[in-house]
Structures are given as structure tokens and as C-alpha cells.
Amino acid sequence: MAGNPRNGRPYRRLCDQQRAMQYPCWICGTDIDYSLTGPEASKHPLAFTLDHLLPVSKRPDLLLDPANARSAHRRCNSRRGNRMTVKTAGASRRW
């Protein structure tokens, strides 16, 4: 049985490449605090996480595809879950 592919070297390399680009959060558009690393970043809501445009739960074949990788805040990534769409900040519902 294979382990979690997100614990492997290829996934960490993809995270490092995405982190090095220092992009803002693709979901809310605000800056990510890239200075947060290690244990403090694992719970901080404004820390960097690697998000996937097409969720891994629906497209596991794209886990390591750089074209599917996006920078996001931990909070935004968690809030989005595995939905295929993104609700942008400031968007309102029209009834």
C-alpha cells in the first residue's frame, strides 16, 4: 500500500516552487504571509498552502501538475474545500 503522496519529495518540491513565486492568494487576491513557516504555519489562517484549481479528490492525476497548482491562504483553501468553483471576495448574490 502506498503512503500519502502529499508527504513525498515531488509534492514538497511543487510546494517549494509555488512558494518561491510569492503569488497572492488566488482565491481572495490578498497577500500571503510567506514568512510563516514550520509548526507556526500549520495552523495560522494566513499562511501559505498549495491549492489545486481542479481538486485532487476529483482529479488525483493532477496532484503534481504545476499548471493545476495555486497559492492560497490556509483559511481560503479550507473554506473552498473540494468545490470546482471559487467564490471571490466582494461577490454578492442577486436574488
PDB file of N, CA and C in Angstrom:
ATOM      1  N   MET A   1       0.840  -1.173   0.000  1.00  0.00           N
ATOM      2  CA  MET A   1       0.000   0.000   0.000  1.00  0.00           C
ATOM      3  C   MET A   1       0.891   1.243   0.000  1.00  0.00           C
ATOM      4  N   ALA A   2       0.603   2.146  -0.882  1.00  0.00           N
ATOM      5  CA  ALA A   2       1.378   3.381  -0.989  1.00  0.00           C
ATOM      6  C   ALA A   2       0.971   4.350   0.116  1.00  0.00           C
ATOM      7  N   GLY A   3       1.932   5.190   0.510  1.00  0.00           N
ATOM      8  CA  GLY A   3       1.647   6.205   1.522  1.00  0.00           C
ATOM      9  C   GLY A   3       0.951   7.410   0.907  1.00  0.00           C
ATOM     10  N   ASN A   4       0.783   8.433   1.700  1.00  0.00           N
ATOM     11  CA  ASN A   4       0.153   9.663   1.247  1.00  0.00           C
ATOM     12  C   ASN A   4       1.088  10.373   0.258  1.00  0.00           C
ATOM     13  N   PRO A   5       0.659  10.592  -0.992  1.00  0.00           N
ATOM     14  CA  PRO A   5       1.545  11.236  -1.974  1.00  0.00           C
ATOM     15  C   PRO A   5       1.889  12.682  -1.622  1.00  0.00           C
ATOM     16  N   ARG A   6       1.131  13.296  -0.725  1.00  0.00           N
ATOM     17  CA  ARG A   6       1.433  14.672  -0.316  1.00  0.00           C
ATOM     18  C   ARG A   6       2.580  14.733   0.678  1.00  0.00           C
ATOM     19  N   ASN A   7       3.067  13.588   1.136  1.00  0.00           N
ATOM     20  CA  ASN A   7       4.208  13.560   2.041  1.00  0.00           C
ATOM     21  C   ASN A   7       5.510  13.298   1.298  1.00  0.00           C
ATOM     22  N   GLY A   8       5.440  13.105  -0.010  1.00  0.00           N
ATOM     23  CA  GLY A   8       6.625  12.740  -0.776  1.00  0.00           C
ATOM     24  C   GLY A   8       7.438  13.926  -1.259  1.00  0.00           C
ATOM     25  N   ARG A   9       8.620  13.615  -1.732  1.00  0.00           N
ATOM     26  CA  ARG A   9       9.537  14.633  -2.228  1.00  0.00           C
ATOM     27  C   ARG A   9       8.983  15.393  -3.432  1.00  0.00           C
ATOM     28  N   PRO A  10       8.352  14.746  -4.415  1.00  0.00           N
ATOM     29  CA  PRO A  10       7.817  15.507  -5.555  1.00  0.00           C
ATOM     30  C   PRO A  10       6.770  16.549  -5.137  1.00  0.00           C
ATOM     31  N   TYR A  11       5.926  16.213  -4.174  1.00  0.00           N
ATOM     32  CA  TYR A  11       4.911  17.169  -3.708  1.00  0.00           C
ATOM     33  C   TYR A  11       5.560  18.327  -2.966  1.00  0.00           C
ATOM     34  N   ARG A  12       6.545  18.037  -2.126  1.00  0.00           N
ATOM     35  CA  ARG A  12       7.260  19.102  -1.408  1.00  0.00           C
ATOM     36  C   ARG A  12       7.985  20.015  -2.385  1.00  0.00           C
ATOM     37  N   ARG A  13       8.535  19.444  -3.457  1.00  0.00           N
ATOM     38  CA  ARG A  13       9.214  20.244  -4.470  1.00  0.00           C
ATOM     39  C   ARG A  13       8.226  21.187  -5.163  1.00  0.00           C
ATOM     40  N   LEU A  14       7.033  20.681  -5.480  1.00  0.00           N
ATOM     41  CA  LEU A  14       5.997  21.521  -6.089  1.00  0.00           C
ATOM     42  C   LEU A  14       5.591  22.650  -5.142  1.00  0.00           C
ATOM     43  N   CYS A  15       5.437  22.346  -3.861  1.00  0.00           N
ATOM     44  CA  CYS A  15       5.112  23.377  -2.861  1.00  0.00           C
ATOM     45  C   CYS A  15       6.211  24.432  -2.803  1.00  0.00           C
ATOM     46  N   ASP A  16       7.474  23.996  -2.801  1.00  0.00           N
ATOM     47  CA  ASP A  16       8.594  24.933  -2.743  1.00  0.00           C
ATOM     48  C   ASP A  16       8.636  25.830  -3.979  1.00  0.00           C
ATOM     49  N   GLN A  17       8.362  25.266  -5.146  1.00  0.00           N
ATOM     50  CA  GLN A  17       8.347  26.057  -6.386  1.00  0.00           C
ATOM     51  C   GLN A  17       7.239  27.102  -6.337  1.00  0.00           C
ATOM     52  N   GLN A  18       6.064  26.695  -5.873  1.00  0.00           N
ATOM     53  CA  GLN A  18       4.935  27.625  -5.813  1.00  0.00           C
ATOM     54  C   GLN A  18       5.192  28.710  -4.771  1.00  0.00           C
ATOM     55  N   ARG A  19       5.763  28.331  -3.639  1.00  0.00           N
ATOM     56  CA  ARG A  19       6.082  29.294  -2.574  1.00  0.00           C
ATOM     57  C   ARG A  19       7.104  30.319  -3.061  1.00  0.00           C
ATOM     58  N   ALA A  20       8.062  29.890  -3.853  1.00  0.00           N
ATOM     59  CA  ALA A  20       9.125  30.774  -4.343  1.00  0.00           C
ATOM     60  C   ALA A  20       8.573  31.870  -5.252  1.00  0.00           C
ATOM     61  N   MET A  21       7.446  31.647  -5.884  1.00  0.00           N
ATOM     62  CA  MET A  21       6.866  32.647  -6.774  1.00  0.00           C
ATOM     63  C   MET A  21       6.208  33.794  -6.007  1.00  0.00           C
ATOM     64  N   GLN A  22       5.891  33.564  -4.714  1.00  0.00           N
ATOM     65  CA  GLN A  22       5.344  34.599  -3.829  1.00  0.00           C
ATOM     66  C   GLN A  22       4.078  35.269  -4.392  1.00  0.00           C
ATOM     67  N   TYR A  23       3.226  34.470  -5.005  1.00  0.00           N
ATOM     68  CA  TYR A  23       1.969  34.990  -5.540  1.00  0.00           C
ATOM     69  C   TYR A  23       0.995  35.319  -4.409  1.00  0.00           C
ATOM     70  N   PRO A  24       0.053  36.233  -4.638  1.00  0.00           N
ATOM     71  CA  PRO A  24      -1.017  36.444  -3.657  1.00  0.00           C
ATOM     72  C   PRO A  24      -1.983  35.258  -3.704  1.00  0.00           C
ATOM     73  N   CYS A  25      -2.868  35.207  -2.759  1.00  0.00           N
ATOM     74  CA  CYS A  25      -3.872  34.141  -2.700  1.00  0.00           C
ATOM     75  C   CYS A  25      -4.749  34.217  -3.949  1.00  0.00           C
ATOM     76  N   TRP A  26      -4.885  33.111  -4.649  1.00  0.00           N
ATOM     77  CA  TRP A  26      -5.667  33.119  -5.890  1.00  0.00           C
ATOM     78  C   TRP A  26      -7.163  33.158  -5.611  1.00  0.00           C
ATOM     79  N   ILE A  27      -7.569  32.926  -4.384  1.00  0.00           N
ATOM     80  CA  ILE A  27      -8.994  32.915  -4.049  1.00  0.00           C
ATOM     81  C   ILE A  27      -9.470  34.307  -3.631  1.00  0.00           C
ATOM     82  N   CYS A  28      -8.755  34.939  -2.699  1.00  0.00           N
ATOM     83  CA  CYS A  28      -9.205  36.255  -2.216  1.00  0.00           C
ATOM     84  C   CYS A  28      -8.404  37.412  -2.795  1.00  0.00           C
ATOM     85  N   GLY A  29      -7.236  37.139  -3.373  1.00  0.00           N
ATOM     86  CA  GLY A  29      -6.449  38.171  -4.022  1.00  0.00           C
ATOM     87  C   GLY A  29      -5.538  38.973  -3.115  1.00  0.00           C
ATOM     88  N   THR A  30      -5.516  38.688  -1.812  1.00  0.00           N
ATOM     89  CA  THR A  30      -4.651  39.443  -0.906  1.00  0.00           C
ATOM     90  C   THR A  30      -3.327  38.707  -0.699  1.00  0.00           C
ATOM     91  N   ASP A  31      -2.340  39.439  -0.163  1.00  0.00           N
ATOM     92  CA  ASP A  31      -1.006  38.873   0.030  1.00  0.00           C
ATOM     93  C   ASP A  31      -1.016  37.743   1.055  1.00  0.00           C
ATOM     94  N   ILE A  32      -0.119  36.804   0.835  1.00  0.00           N
ATOM     95  CA  ILE A  32       0.082  35.676   1.748  1.00  0.00           C
ATOM     96  C   ILE A  32       1.316  35.988   2.582  1.00  0.00           C
ATOM     97  N   ASP A  33       1.300  35.641   3.874  1.00  0.00           N
ATOM     98  CA  ASP A  33       2.455  35.854   4.735  1.00  0.00           C
ATOM     99  C   ASP A  33       3.418  34.678   4.551  1.00  0.00           C
ATOM    100  N   TYR A  34       4.356  34.827   3.612  1.00  0.00           N
ATOM    101  CA  TYR A  34       5.301  33.754   3.307  1.00  0.00           C
ATOM    102  C   TYR A  34       6.367  33.590   4.380  1.00  0.00           C
ATOM    103  N   SER A  35       6.438  34.519   5.342  1.00  0.00           N
ATOM    104  CA  SER A  35       7.423  34.382   6.412  1.00  0.00           C
ATOM    105  C   SER A  35       7.003  33.314   7.425  1.00  0.00           C
ATOM    106  N   LEU A  36       5.741  32.922   7.400  1.00  0.00           N
ATOM    107  CA  LEU A  36       5.269  31.876   8.314  1.00  0.00           C
ATOM    108  C   LEU A  36       5.695  30.521   7.781  1.00  0.00           C
ATOM    109  N   THR A  37       6.528  29.833   8.541  1.00  0.00           N
ATOM    110  CA  THR A  37       6.996  28.504   8.149  1.00  0.00           C
ATOM    111  C   THR A  37       7.020  27.600   9.367  1.00  0.00           C
ATOM    112  N   GLY A  38       7.218  26.332   9.124  1.00  0.00           N
ATOM    113  CA  GLY A  38       7.331  25.370  10.208  1.00  0.00           C
ATOM    114  C   GLY A  38       6.026  25.173  10.955  1.00  0.00           C
ATOM    115  N   PRO A  39       6.122  24.801  12.240  1.00  0.00           N
ATOM    116  CA  PRO A  39       4.928  24.492  13.034  1.00  0.00           C
ATOM    117  C   PRO A  39       3.952  25.655  13.162  1.00  0.00           C
ATOM    118  N   GLU A  40       4.463  26.903  13.199  1.00  0.00           N
ATOM    119  CA  GLU A  40       3.555  28.045  13.345  1.00  0.00           C
ATOM    120  C   GLU A  40       2.662  28.210  12.119  1.00  0.00           C
ATOM    121  N   ALA A  41       3.135  27.792  10.959  1.00  0.00           N
ATOM    122  CA  ALA A  41       2.356  27.946   9.725  1.00  0.00           C
ATOM    123  C   ALA A  41       1.275  26.876   9.589  1.00  0.00           C
ATOM    124  N   SER A  42       1.440  25.773  10.297  1.00  0.00           N
ATOM    125  CA  SER A  42       0.492  24.671  10.122  1.00  0.00           C
ATOM    126  C   SER A  42      -0.912  25.001  10.616  1.00  0.00           C
ATOM    127  N   LYS A  43      -1.050  26.022  11.444  1.00  0.00           N
ATOM    128  CA  LYS A  43      -2.370  26.387  11.950  1.00  0.00           C
ATOM    129  C   LYS A  43      -2.757  27.845  11.665  1.00  0.00           C
ATOM    130  N   HIS A  44      -1.816  28.643  11.213  1.00  0.00           N
ATOM    131  CA  HIS A  44      -2.089  30.065  11.000  1.00  0.00           C
ATOM    132  C   HIS A  44      -2.978  30.251   9.771  1.00  0.00           C
ATOM    133  N   PRO A  45      -4.082  30.993   9.881  1.00  0.00           N
ATOM    134  CA  PRO A  45      -5.032  31.122   8.767  1.00  0.00           C
ATOM    135  C   PRO A  45      -4.495  31.894   7.557  1.00  0.00           C
ATOM    136  N   LEU A  46      -3.454  32.710   7.741  1.00  0.00           N
ATOM    137  CA  LEU A  46      -2.921  33.492   6.620  1.00  0.00           C
ATOM    138  C   LEU A  46      -1.641  32.908   6.032  1.00  0.00           C
ATOM    139  N   ALA A  47      -1.280  31.714   6.465  1.00  0.00           N
ATOM    140  CA  ALA A  47      -0.078  31.062   5.956  1.00  0.00           C
ATOM    141  C   ALA A  47      -0.319  30.483   4.556  1.00  0.00           C
ATOM    142  N   PHE A  48       0.763  30.234   3.843  1.00  0.00           N
ATOM    143  CA  PHE A  48       0.709  29.652   2.502  1.00  0.00           C
ATOM    144  C   PHE A  48       0.274  28.187   2.545  1.00  0.00           C
ATOM    145  N   THR A  49      -0.587  27.821   1.631  1.00  0.00           N
ATOM    146  CA  THR A  49      -0.866  26.413   1.348  1.00  0.00           C
ATOM    147  C   THR A  49      -0.934  26.255  -0.161  1.00  0.00           C
ATOM    148  N   LEU A  50      -0.615  25.077  -0.614  1.00  0.00           N
ATOM    149  CA  LEU A  50      -0.743  24.767  -2.026  1.00  0.00           C
ATOM    150  C   LEU A  50      -2.171  24.311  -2.277  1.00  0.00           C
ATOM    151  N   ASP A  51      -2.848  25.001  -3.158  1.00  0.00           N
ATOM    152  CA  ASP A  51      -4.212  24.637  -3.529  1.00  0.00           C
ATOM    153  C   ASP A  51      -4.178  24.130  -4.962  1.00  0.00           C
ATOM    154  N   HIS A  52      -5.212  23.433  -5.342  1.00  0.00           N
ATOM    155  CA  HIS A  52      -5.319  22.900  -6.700  1.00  0.00           C
ATOM    156  C   HIS A  52      -6.566  23.464  -7.360  1.00  0.00           C
ATOM    157  N   LEU A  53      -6.404  24.000  -8.555  1.00  0.00           N
ATOM    158  CA  LEU A  53      -7.523  24.537  -9.316  1.00  0.00           C
ATOM    159  C   LEU A  53      -8.602  23.478  -9.484  1.00  0.00           C
ATOM    160  N   LEU A  54      -8.209  22.312  -9.946  1.00  0.00           N
ATOM    161  CA  LEU A  54      -9.119  21.162 -10.010  1.00  0.00           C
ATOM    162  C   LEU A  54      -8.795  20.294  -8.804  1.00  0.00           C
ATOM    163  N   PRO A  55      -9.723  20.146  -7.859  1.00  0.00           N
ATOM    164  CA  PRO A  55      -9.443  19.451  -6.601  1.00  0.00           C
ATOM    165  C   PRO A  55      -8.877  18.044  -6.805  1.00  0.00           C
ATOM    166  N   VAL A  56      -7.924  17.691  -5.968  1.00  0.00           N
ATOM    167  CA  VAL A  56      -7.278  16.389  -6.038  1.00  0.00           C
ATOM    168  C   VAL A  56      -8.282  15.268  -5.792  1.00  0.00           C
ATOM    169  N   SER A  57      -9.324  15.530  -4.994  1.00  0.00           N
ATOM    170  CA  SER A  57     -10.320  14.489  -4.731  1.00  0.00           C
ATOM    171  C   SER A  57     -11.086  14.124  -6.005  1.00  0.00           C
ATOM    172  N   LYS A  58     -11.129  15.057  -6.952  1.00  0.00           N
ATOM    173  CA  LYS A  58     -11.842  14.799  -8.202  1.00  0.00           C
ATOM    174  C   LYS A  58     -10.898  14.486  -9.348  1.00  0.00           C
ATOM    175  N   ARG A  59      -9.661  14.973  -9.271  1.00  0.00           N
ATOM    176  CA  ARG A  59      -8.658  14.740 -10.309  1.00  0.00           C
ATOM    177  C   ARG A  59      -7.316  14.387  -9.670  1.00  0.00           C
ATOM    178  N   PRO A  60      -7.192  13.199  -9.075  1.00  0.00           N
ATOM    179  CA  PRO A  60      -5.941  12.822  -8.411  1.00  0.00           C
ATOM    180  C   PRO A  60      -4.744  12.758  -9.360  1.00  0.00           C
ATOM    181  N   ASP A  61      -5.014  12.599 -10.641  1.00  0.00           N
ATOM    182  CA  ASP A  61      -3.933  12.542 -11.621  1.00  0.00           C
ATOM    183  C   ASP A  61      -3.219  13.891 -11.765  1.00  0.00           C
ATOM    184  N   LEU A  62      -3.829  14.970 -11.288  1.00  0.00           N
ATOM    185  CA  LEU A  62      -3.245  16.305 -11.412  1.00  0.00           C
ATOM    186  C   LEU A  62      -2.561  16.787 -10.133  1.00  0.00           C
ATOM    187  N   LEU A  63      -2.352  15.892  -9.182  1.00  0.00           N
ATOM    188  CA  LEU A  63      -1.747  16.253  -7.901  1.00  0.00           C
ATOM    189  C   LEU A  63      -0.412  16.981  -8.078  1.00  0.00           C
ATOM    190  N   LEU A  64       0.428  16.494  -8.975  1.00  0.00           N
ATOM    191  CA  LEU A  64       1.769  17.052  -9.140  1.00  0.00           C
ATOM    192  C   LEU A  64       1.909  17.921 -10.387  1.00  0.00           C
ATOM    193  N   ASP A  65       0.807  18.292 -10.998  1.00  0.00           N
ATOM    194  CA  ASP A  65       0.840  19.110 -12.201  1.00  0.00           C
ATOM    195  C   ASP A  65       0.987  20.589 -11.816  1.00  0.00           C
ATOM    196  N   PRO A  66       2.109  21.232 -12.184  1.00  0.00           N
ATOM    197  CA  PRO A  66       2.306  22.645 -11.829  1.00  0.00           C
ATOM    198  C   PRO A  66       1.222  23.562 -12.404  1.00  0.00           C
ATOM    199  N   ALA A  67       0.629  23.196 -13.512  1.00  0.00           N
ATOM    200  CA  ALA A  67      -0.423  24.024 -14.108  1.00  0.00           C
ATOM    201  C   ALA A  67      -1.698  24.008 -13.273  1.00  0.00           C
ATOM    202  N   ASN A  68      -1.832  23.029 -12.385  1.00  0.00           N
ATOM    203  CA  ASN A  68      -3.005  22.916 -11.525  1.00  0.00           C
ATOM    204  C   ASN A  68      -2.741  23.500 -10.135  1.00  0.00           C
ATOM    205  N   ALA A  69      -1.508  23.899  -9.854  1.00  0.00           N
ATOM    206  CA  ALA A  69      -1.114  24.395  -8.530  1.00  0.00           C
ATOM    207  C   ALA A  69      -1.396  25.886  -8.393  1.00  0.00           C
ATOM    208  N   ARG A  70      -1.877  26.280  -7.222  1.00  0.00           N
ATOM    209  CA  ARG A  70      -2.170  27.676  -6.922  1.00  0.00           C
ATOM    210  C   ARG A  70      -1.745  27.976  -5.480  1.00  0.00           C
ATOM    211  N   SER A  71      -1.345  29.218  -5.235  1.00  0.00           N
ATOM    212  CA  SER A  71      -1.025  29.665  -3.877  1.00  0.00           C
ATOM    213  C   SER A  71      -2.306  30.158  -3.213  1.00  0.00           C
ATOM    214  N   ALA A  72      -2.504  29.767  -1.962  1.00  0.00           N
ATOM    215  CA  ALA A  72      -3.701  30.195  -1.236  1.00  0.00           C
ATOM    216  C   ALA A  72      -3.403  30.321   0.250  1.00  0.00           C
ATOM    217  N   HIS A  73      -4.204  31.143   0.924  1.00  0.00           N
ATOM    218  CA  HIS A  73      -4.167  31.166   2.390  1.00  0.00           C
ATOM    219  C   HIS A  73      -4.740  29.843   2.891  1.00  0.00           C
ATOM    220  N   ARG A  74      -4.284  29.414   4.034  1.00  0.00           N
ATOM    221  CA  ARG A  74      -4.837  28.197   4.633  1.00  0.00           C
ATOM    222  C   ARG A  74      -6.342  28.349   4.839  1.00  0.00           C
ATOM    223  N   ARG A  75      -6.776  29.511   5.311  1.00  0.00           N
ATOM    224  CA  ARG A  75      -8.196  29.766   5.563  1.00  0.00           C
ATOM    225  C   ARG A  75      -9.009  29.682   4.268  1.00  0.00           C
ATOM    226  N   CYS A  76      -8.526  30.319   3.207  1.00  0.00           N
ATOM    227  CA  CYS A  76      -9.254  30.314   1.933  1.00  0.00           C
ATOM    228  C   CYS A  76      -9.315  28.913   1.337  1.00  0.00           C
ATOM    229  N   ASN A  77      -8.208  28.195   1.420  1.00  0.00           N
ATOM    230  CA  ASN A  77      -8.145  26.841   0.885  1.00  0.00           C
ATOM    231  C   ASN A  77      -9.116  25.931   1.643  1.00  0.00           C
ATOM    232  N   SER A  78      -9.139  26.045   2.954  1.00  0.00           N
ATOM    233  CA  SER A  78     -10.043  25.216   3.756  1.00  0.00           C
ATOM    234  C   SER A  78     -11.498  25.556   3.488  1.00  0.00           C
ATOM    235  N   ARG A  79     -11.783  26.839   3.376  1.00  0.00           N
ATOM    236  CA  ARG A  79     -13.150  27.286   3.127  1.00  0.00           C
ATOM    237  C   ARG A  79     -13.656  26.793   1.767  1.00  0.00           C
ATOM    238  N   ARG A  80     -12.788  26.775   0.792  1.00  0.00           N
ATOM    239  CA  ARG A  80     -13.167  26.331  -0.557  1.00  0.00           C
ATOM    240  C   ARG A  80     -13.459  24.844  -0.587  1.00  0.00           C
ATOM    241  N   GLY A  81     -12.726  24.066   0.190  1.00  0.00           N
ATOM    242  CA  GLY A  81     -12.941  22.622   0.197  1.00  0.00           C
ATOM    243  C   GLY A  81     -12.592  22.005  -1.141  1.00  0.00           C
ATOM    244  N   ASN A  82     -13.431  21.081  -1.607  1.00  0.00           N
ATOM    245  CA  ASN A  82     -13.142  20.432  -2.890  1.00  0.00           C
ATOM    246  C   ASN A  82     -14.098  20.889  -3.990  1.00  0.00           C
ATOM    247  N   ARG A  83     -14.628  22.104  -3.828  1.00  0.00           N
ATOM    248  CA  ARG A  83     -15.510  22.637  -4.873  1.00  0.00           C
ATOM    249  C   ARG A  83     -14.700  23.028  -6.100  1.00  0.00           C
ATOM    250  N   MET A  84     -15.326  22.928  -7.248  1.00  0.00           N
ATOM    251  CA  MET A  84     -14.667  23.261  -8.501  1.00  0.00           C
ATOM    252  C   MET A  84     -14.689  24.769  -8.760  1.00  0.00           C
ATOM    253  N   THR A  85     -15.559  25.503  -8.078  1.00  0.00           N
ATOM    254  CA  THR A  85     -15.671  26.935  -8.307  1.00  0.00           C
ATOM    255  C   THR A  85     -15.128  27.697  -7.108  1.00  0.00           C
ATOM    256  N   VAL A  86     -14.851  28.951  -7.325  1.00  0.00           N
ATOM    257  CA  VAL A  86     -14.334  29.819  -6.271  1.00  0.00           C
ATOM    258  C   VAL A  86     -15.265  31.004  -6.132  1.00  0.00           C
ATOM    259  N   LYS A  87     -15.693  31.273  -4.917  1.00  0.00           N
ATOM    260  CA  LYS A  87     -16.492  32.473  -4.657  1.00  0.00           C
ATOM    261  C   LYS A  87     -15.509  33.587  -4.334  1.00  0.00           C
ATOM    262  N   THR A  88     -15.448  34.578  -5.176  1.00  0.00           N
ATOM    263  CA  THR A  88     -14.477  35.645  -4.994  1.00  0.00           C
ATOM    264  C   THR A  88     -14.938  36.623  -3.923  1.00  0.00           C
ATOM    265  N   ALA A  89     -13.981  37.284  -3.316  1.00  0.00           N
ATOM    266  CA  ALA A  89     -14.287  38.273  -2.280  1.00  0.00           C
ATOM    267  C   ALA A  89     -15.069  39.422  -2.894  1.00  0.00           C
ATOM    268  N   GLY A  90     -16.056  39.890  -2.201  1.00  0.00           N
ATOM    269  CA  GLY A  90     -16.841  41.014  -2.664  1.00  0.00           C
ATOM    270  C   GLY A  90     -17.982  40.634  -3.580  1.00  0.00           C
ATOM    271  N   ALA A  91     -18.101  39.369  -3.913  1.00  0.00           N
ATOM    272  CA  ALA A  91     -19.190  38.950  -4.783  1.00  0.00           C
ATOM    273  C   ALA A  91     -20.482  38.916  -3.955  1.00  0.00           C
ATOM    274  N   SER A  92     -21.552  39.287  -4.575  1.00  0.00           N
ATOM    275  CA  SER A  92     -22.836  39.258  -3.870  1.00  0.00           C
ATOM    276  C   SER A  92     -23.831  38.432  -4.646  1.00  0.00           C
ATOM    277  N   ARG A  93     -24.814  37.935  -3.931  1.00  0.00           N
ATOM    278  CA  ARG A  93     -25.875  37.173  -4.586  1.00  0.00           C
ATOM    279  C   ARG A  93     -26.934  38.108  -5.147  1.00  0.00           C
ATOM    280  N   ARG A  94     -27.440  37.765  -6.269  1.00  0.00           N
ATOM    281  CA  ARG A  94     -28.558  38.517  -6.839  1.00  0.00           C
ATOM    282  C   ARG A  94     -29.786  37.645  -6.711  1.00  0.00           C
ATOM    283  N   TRP A  95     -30.788  38.129  -6.033  1.00  0.00           N
ATOM    284  CA  TRP A  95     -31.998  37.351  -5.808  1.00  0.00           C
ATOM    285  C   TRP A  95     -33.024  37.637  -6.861  1.00  0.00           C
TER     286      TRP A  95
END
